Amino acid sequence: MTVHDSELDQYGVVHNAMYVVYIHKAREEMAASIGFSMTSIARSGNAMAVLELNIKYFKPLLRGAKFVVKVRLVQIKGTRILVDHIIETLPNREVRAQTITITTPCTDQSSHKHAPVDLL
């Protein structure tokens, strides 16, 4: 990925909200690469919703920076999925931010009850 001007705050660094966009995109791409479709989950009446997100910032991303978001599935426990993300610059792989955990419950949109684990 590349940092674009529209993603910067008034100080010339990536706005903190953009990190959430970056990790969401990376998580969707990782899921798609293993045959897991967010679209098919939504069509089935279920939803993947972020319950908790903790980000530790080490150093800001700057205008034009090239970076990668590494995604690691930590645990599936019941209906919750814990995922870690690390944002690194390219080509030197300097860590800029890391999510401590993301806890994502899978719920039925109509009843708001947890969906079955086999959906995952």
C-alpha atoms as a PDB file:
ATOM      1  CA  MET A   1       0.000   0.000   0.000  1.00  0.00           C
ATOM      2  CA  THR A   2       0.998   3.639  -0.395  1.00  0.00           C
ATOM      3  CA  VAL A   3       0.131   6.656   1.767  1.00  0.00           C
ATOM      4  CA  HIS A   4      -1.893   9.248  -0.190  1.00  0.00           C
ATOM      5  CA  ASP A   5      -2.245  12.975   0.551  1.00  0.00           C
ATOM      6  CA  SER A   6      -5.939  12.543   1.427  1.00  0.00           C
ATOM      7  CA  GLU A   7      -4.923  10.248   4.318  1.00  0.00           C
ATOM      8  CA  LEU A   8      -2.797  12.860   6.094  1.00  0.00           C
ATOM      9  CA  ASP A   9      -3.741  15.019   9.058  1.00  0.00           C
ATOM     10  CA  GLN A  10      -2.882  18.693   9.549  1.00  0.00           C
ATOM     11  CA  TYR A  11       0.618  17.713  10.732  1.00  0.00           C
ATOM     12  CA  GLY A  12       1.515  15.869   7.524  1.00  0.00           C
ATOM     13  CA  VAL A  13       1.367  12.355   8.960  1.00  0.00           C
ATOM     14  CA  VAL A  14      -1.219   9.627   8.418  1.00  0.00           C
ATOM     15  CA  HIS A  15      -4.396  10.401  10.377  1.00  0.00           C
ATOM     16  CA  ASN A  16      -4.900   7.846  13.151  1.00  0.00           C
ATOM     17  CA  ALA A  17      -8.283   6.753  11.735  1.00  0.00           C
ATOM     18  CA  MET A  18      -6.570   5.633   8.522  1.00  0.00           C
ATOM     19  CA  TYR A  19      -4.736   2.858  10.356  1.00  0.00           C
ATOM     20  CA  VAL A  20      -8.118   1.230  11.017  1.00  0.00           C
ATOM     21  CA  VAL A  21      -8.901   1.440   7.284  1.00  0.00           C
ATOM     22  CA  TYR A  22      -5.531  -0.110   6.414  1.00  0.00           C
ATOM     23  CA  ILE A  23      -5.923  -3.053   8.787  1.00  0.00           C
ATOM     24  CA  HIS A  24      -9.525  -3.641   7.712  1.00  0.00           C
ATOM     25  CA  LYS A  25      -8.451  -3.800   4.068  1.00  0.00           C
ATOM     26  CA  ALA A  26      -5.584  -6.173   4.892  1.00  0.00           C
ATOM     27  CA  ARG A  27      -7.868  -8.413   6.950  1.00  0.00           C
ATOM     28  CA  GLU A  28     -10.380  -8.615   4.075  1.00  0.00           C
ATOM     29  CA  GLU A  29      -7.601  -9.421   1.589  1.00  0.00           C
ATOM     30  CA  MET A  30      -6.242 -12.144   3.876  1.00  0.00           C
ATOM     31  CA  ALA A  31      -9.712 -13.642   4.279  1.00  0.00           C
ATOM     32  CA  ALA A  32     -10.263 -13.604   0.508  1.00  0.00           C
ATOM     33  CA  SER A  33      -6.911 -15.309  -0.072  1.00  0.00           C
ATOM     34  CA  ILE A  34      -8.107 -18.317   1.943  1.00  0.00           C
ATOM     35  CA  GLY A  35     -11.551 -18.390   0.325  1.00  0.00           C
ATOM     36  CA  PHE A  36     -13.465 -16.523   3.023  1.00  0.00           C
ATOM     37  CA  SER A  37     -15.889 -13.980   1.551  1.00  0.00           C
ATOM     38  CA  MET A  38     -17.202 -11.093   3.638  1.00  0.00           C
ATOM     39  CA  THR A  39     -19.890 -10.589   0.971  1.00  0.00           C
ATOM     40  CA  SER A  40     -21.192 -14.143   1.386  1.00  0.00           C
ATOM     41  CA  ILE A  41     -21.275 -13.680   5.171  1.00  0.00           C
ATOM     42  CA  ALA A  42     -23.441 -10.563   4.738  1.00  0.00           C
ATOM     43  CA  ARG A  43     -25.710 -12.301   2.205  1.00  0.00           C
ATOM     44  CA  SER A  44     -26.315 -15.102   4.704  1.00  0.00           C
ATOM     45  CA  GLY A  45     -27.681 -12.546   7.186  1.00  0.00           C
ATOM     46  CA  ASN A  46     -24.601 -12.585   9.408  1.00  0.00           C
ATOM     47  CA  ALA A  47     -22.097  -9.868  10.205  1.00  0.00           C
ATOM     48  CA  MET A  48     -18.499  -9.559  11.306  1.00  0.00           C
ATOM     49  CA  ALA A  49     -18.280  -6.675  13.760  1.00  0.00           C
ATOM     50  CA  VAL A  50     -15.230  -5.365  15.575  1.00  0.00           C
ATOM     51  CA  LEU A  51     -15.752  -5.662  19.308  1.00  0.00           C
ATOM     52  CA  GLU A  52     -12.367  -4.365  20.465  1.00  0.00           C
ATOM     53  CA  LEU A  53      -9.441  -2.703  18.708  1.00  0.00           C
ATOM     54  CA  ASN A  54      -6.200  -1.610  20.374  1.00  0.00           C
ATOM     55  CA  ILE A  55      -3.487   0.070  18.320  1.00  0.00           C
ATOM     56  CA  LYS A  56       0.016   0.873  19.516  1.00  0.00           C
ATOM     57  CA  TYR A  57       1.726   3.534  17.404  1.00  0.00           C
ATOM     58  CA  PHE A  58       5.526   3.463  17.188  1.00  0.00           C
ATOM     59  CA  LYS A  59       6.278   5.978  14.459  1.00  0.00           C
ATOM     60  CA  PRO A  60       3.943   7.752  12.003  1.00  0.00           C
ATOM     61  CA  LEU A  61       3.595   6.888   8.350  1.00  0.00           C
ATOM     62  CA  LEU A  62       4.432   9.851   6.124  1.00  0.00           C
ATOM     63  CA  ARG A  63       3.277  11.132   2.718  1.00  0.00           C
ATOM     64  CA  GLY A  64       4.175   8.704  -0.071  1.00  0.00           C
ATOM     65  CA  ALA A  65       5.397   5.949   2.251  1.00  0.00           C
ATOM     66  CA  LYS A  66       5.101   2.409   0.951  1.00  0.00           C
ATOM     67  CA  PHE A  67       4.014  -0.102   3.569  1.00  0.00           C
ATOM     68  CA  VAL A  68       2.585  -3.536   4.184  1.00  0.00           C
ATOM     69  CA  VAL A  69       0.090  -4.747   6.777  1.00  0.00           C
ATOM     70  CA  LYS A  70       0.958  -8.186   8.120  1.00  0.00           C
ATOM     71  CA  VAL A  71      -2.073 -10.104   9.384  1.00  0.00           C
ATOM     72  CA  ARG A  72      -1.824 -13.012  11.817  1.00  0.00           C
ATOM     73  CA  LEU A  73      -4.732 -15.076  13.056  1.00  0.00           C
ATOM     74  CA  VAL A  74      -4.093 -15.560  16.765  1.00  0.00           C
ATOM     75  CA  GLN A  75      -7.106 -17.521  17.943  1.00  0.00           C
ATOM     76  CA  ILE A  76     -10.664 -18.556  17.169  1.00  0.00           C
ATOM     77  CA  LYS A  77     -12.512 -19.061  20.435  1.00  0.00           C
ATOM     78  CA  GLY A  78     -16.240 -19.687  20.253  1.00  0.00           C
ATOM     79  CA  THR A  79     -17.569 -17.009  17.938  1.00  0.00           C
ATOM     80  CA  ARG A  80     -14.669 -14.625  18.491  1.00  0.00           C
ATOM     81  CA  ILE A  81     -11.697 -14.222  16.199  1.00  0.00           C
ATOM     82  CA  LEU A  82      -8.520 -12.604  17.509  1.00  0.00           C
ATOM     83  CA  VAL A  83      -6.202 -11.111  14.897  1.00  0.00           C
ATOM     84  CA  ASP A  84      -2.914  -9.221  15.194  1.00  0.00           C
ATOM     85  CA  HIS A  85      -1.746  -6.734  12.566  1.00  0.00           C
ATOM     86  CA  ILE A  86       1.672  -5.153  12.109  1.00  0.00           C
ATOM     87  CA  ILE A  87       2.174  -2.180   9.794  1.00  0.00           C
ATOM     88  CA  GLU A  88       5.702  -2.051   8.373  1.00  0.00           C
ATOM     89  CA  THR A  89       7.324   0.330   5.921  1.00  0.00           C
ATOM     90  CA  LEU A  90       8.837  -0.954   2.688  1.00  0.00           C
ATOM     91  CA  PRO A  91      11.503  -1.840   1.823  1.00  0.00           C
ATOM     92  CA  ASN A  92      13.158  -1.622   5.268  1.00  0.00           C
ATOM     93  CA  ARG A  93      10.345  -3.322   7.262  1.00  0.00           C
ATOM     94  CA  GLU A  94      10.364  -0.741  10.057  1.00  0.00           C
ATOM     95  CA  VAL A  95       7.376  -1.326  12.375  1.00  0.00           C
ATOM     96  CA  ARG A  96       5.129   1.750  12.513  1.00  0.00           C
ATOM     97  CA  ALA A  97       2.059   0.389  14.327  1.00  0.00           C
ATOM     98  CA  GLN A  98       0.683  -2.838  15.738  1.00  0.00           C
ATOM     99  CA  THR A  99      -2.753  -3.871  16.838  1.00  0.00           C
ATOM    100  CA  ILE A 100      -2.562  -5.645  20.130  1.00  0.00           C
ATOM    101  CA  THR A 101      -5.730  -7.618  19.334  1.00  0.00           C
ATOM    102  CA  ILE A 102      -8.909  -7.317  17.383  1.00  0.00           C
ATOM    103  CA  THR A 103     -11.794  -9.316  18.743  1.00  0.00           C
ATOM    104  CA  THR A 104     -14.439  -9.942  16.116  1.00  0.00           C
ATOM    105  CA  PRO A 105     -17.680 -11.671  17.021  1.00  0.00           C
ATOM    106  CA  CYS A 106     -19.764 -13.213  14.276  1.00  0.00           C
ATOM    107  CA  THR A 107     -23.435 -12.378  14.798  1.00  0.00           C
ATOM    108  CA  ASP A 108     -26.771 -12.919  13.114  1.00  0.00           C
ATOM    109  CA  GLN A 109     -27.908  -9.473  11.907  1.00  0.00           C
ATOM    110  CA  SER A 110     -31.612 -10.030  12.583  1.00  0.00           C
ATOM    111  CA  SER A 111     -31.456 -11.524  16.087  1.00  0.00           C
ATOM    112  CA  HIS A 112     -28.027 -10.195  17.167  1.00  0.00           C
ATOM    113  CA  LYS A 113     -27.199 -13.697  18.445  1.00  0.00           C
ATOM    114  CA  HIS A 114     -23.848 -15.326  17.845  1.00  0.00           C
ATOM    115  CA  ALA A 115     -23.617 -17.220  14.567  1.00  0.00           C
ATOM    116  CA  PRO A 116     -22.388 -20.809  14.510  1.00  0.00           C
ATOM    117  CA  VAL A 117     -18.631 -21.332  14.507  1.00  0.00           C
ATOM    118  CA  ASP A 118     -18.780 -23.500  11.351  1.00  0.00           C
ATOM    119  CA  LEU A 119     -19.599 -20.298   9.491  1.00  0.00           C
ATOM    120  CA  LEU A 120     -15.962 -19.370   9.991  1.00  0.00           C
END
